[in-house]
Protein backbone atom coordinates (compact mmCIF):
# COMPACT_ATOMS: atom_id res chain seq x y z
CA PHE A 1 14.60 -20.93 -4.02
CA HIS A 2 14.86 -17.50 -5.60
CA LEU A 3 13.13 -14.62 -3.32
CA ASP A 4 10.90 -12.09 -5.40
CA ARG A 5 12.38 -8.78 -4.67
CA ASN A 6 8.65 -7.46 -4.85
CA ALA A 7 7.42 -10.40 -2.20
CA THR A 8 6.31 -8.90 1.15
CA PRO A 9 8.31 -10.22 4.08
CA ASN A 10 6.15 -12.69 6.35
CA LYS A 11 6.63 -15.37 8.47
CA ALA A 12 5.81 -18.21 5.96
CA LEU A 13 8.57 -16.60 3.56
CA ALA A 14 11.26 -16.50 5.74
CA GLU A 15 10.42 -20.34 7.49
CA GLN A 16 11.07 -21.29 3.68
CA LEU A 17 14.28 -19.14 3.13
CA VAL A 18 15.42 -20.80 6.89
CA GLU A 19 14.75 -24.13 5.43
CA GLN A 20 16.01 -23.91 2.33
CA VAL A 21 19.31 -22.48 4.12
CA LYS A 22 19.48 -25.69 6.22
CA LYS A 23 19.18 -27.96 3.25
CA ASP A 24 21.86 -26.43 0.73
CA ALA A 25 23.73 -24.73 3.28
CA THR A 26 24.81 -21.71 0.88
CA VAL A 27 23.39 -18.74 0.27
CA VAL A 28 24.63 -16.40 -2.37
CA VAL A 29 23.66 -12.79 -1.73
CA VAL A 30 23.46 -11.30 -5.38
CA ASN A 31 22.19 -7.99 -4.50
CA VAL A 32 22.02 -5.49 -1.44
CA GLN A 33 20.08 -1.64 -1.96
CA GLU A 34 20.03 0.31 1.54
CA ASN A 35 17.59 2.96 1.96
CA SER A 36 18.03 5.79 3.78
CA ASP A 37 14.37 6.13 5.14
CA LYS A 38 13.76 6.90 8.84
CA ILE A 39 10.98 4.69 11.52
CA LEU A 40 10.54 7.06 13.66
CA PRO A 41 9.72 5.03 17.17
CA PRO A 42 5.62 5.21 18.14
CA LEU A 43 4.89 7.47 20.95
CA GLY A 44 4.46 6.31 24.44
CA LEU A 45 1.69 5.38 26.14
CA ASN A 46 0.24 7.12 29.16
CA THR A 47 -1.00 5.09 32.14
CA VAL A 48 -4.40 4.83 31.18
CA ALA A 49 -3.92 3.64 27.49
CA LEU A 50 -1.35 1.52 28.86
CA LEU A 51 -3.70 -0.46 31.00
CA GLU A 52 -6.05 -0.87 28.22
CA ALA A 53 -3.35 -2.34 25.91
CA GLY A 54 -2.06 -4.69 28.68
CA SER A 55 -5.67 -5.73 29.30
CA LYS A 56 -7.07 -5.83 25.49
CA ALA A 57 -3.84 -7.53 24.21
CA MET A 58 -2.70 -9.86 26.83
CA GLY A 59 -5.60 -10.15 29.23
CA MET A 60 -4.13 -8.97 32.14
CA SER A 61 -5.31 -6.97 35.21
CA PRO A 62 -4.56 -3.44 35.54
CA LYS A 63 -2.63 -4.79 38.91
CA GLN A 64 -0.19 -6.85 36.54
CA VAL A 65 0.32 -4.75 34.03
CA MET A 66 1.74 -1.84 36.18
CA ASN A 67 3.81 -4.77 38.14
CA VAL A 68 5.29 -5.96 34.30
CA ALA A 69 5.73 -1.82 33.56
CA GLU A 70 7.69 -1.37 36.89
CA LYS A 71 10.23 -4.17 36.74
CA LEU A 72 10.55 -2.71 32.47
CA TYR A 73 11.22 0.55 33.98
CA SER A 74 13.54 -0.71 36.99
CA GLN A 75 15.40 -2.42 34.17
CA GLY A 76 15.58 0.47 32.33
CA LEU A 77 13.90 -0.96 29.24
CA ILE A 78 10.75 2.09 28.77
CA SER A 79 10.20 5.30 30.65
CA TYR A 80 8.04 6.31 33.35
CA PRO A 81 4.75 5.82 32.07
CA ARG A 82 2.88 9.50 31.86
């Protein structure tokens, strides 16, 4: 298995690589390049945008979205929705 350096990473490529490693049980890293680009985190959602995103993406009711947000907030995983 040879990973083309210009290949776009995707799930199928990752699964193919995992299967090859399981089969051969040996991996040789030929070259590693570091990148100093910074990727900034996305901006937070306000409450209305959070409710819309939860409804659209997850099919949740506003009450369900707020319950999940409250749990995540109490665990310190998200900031307070604005």
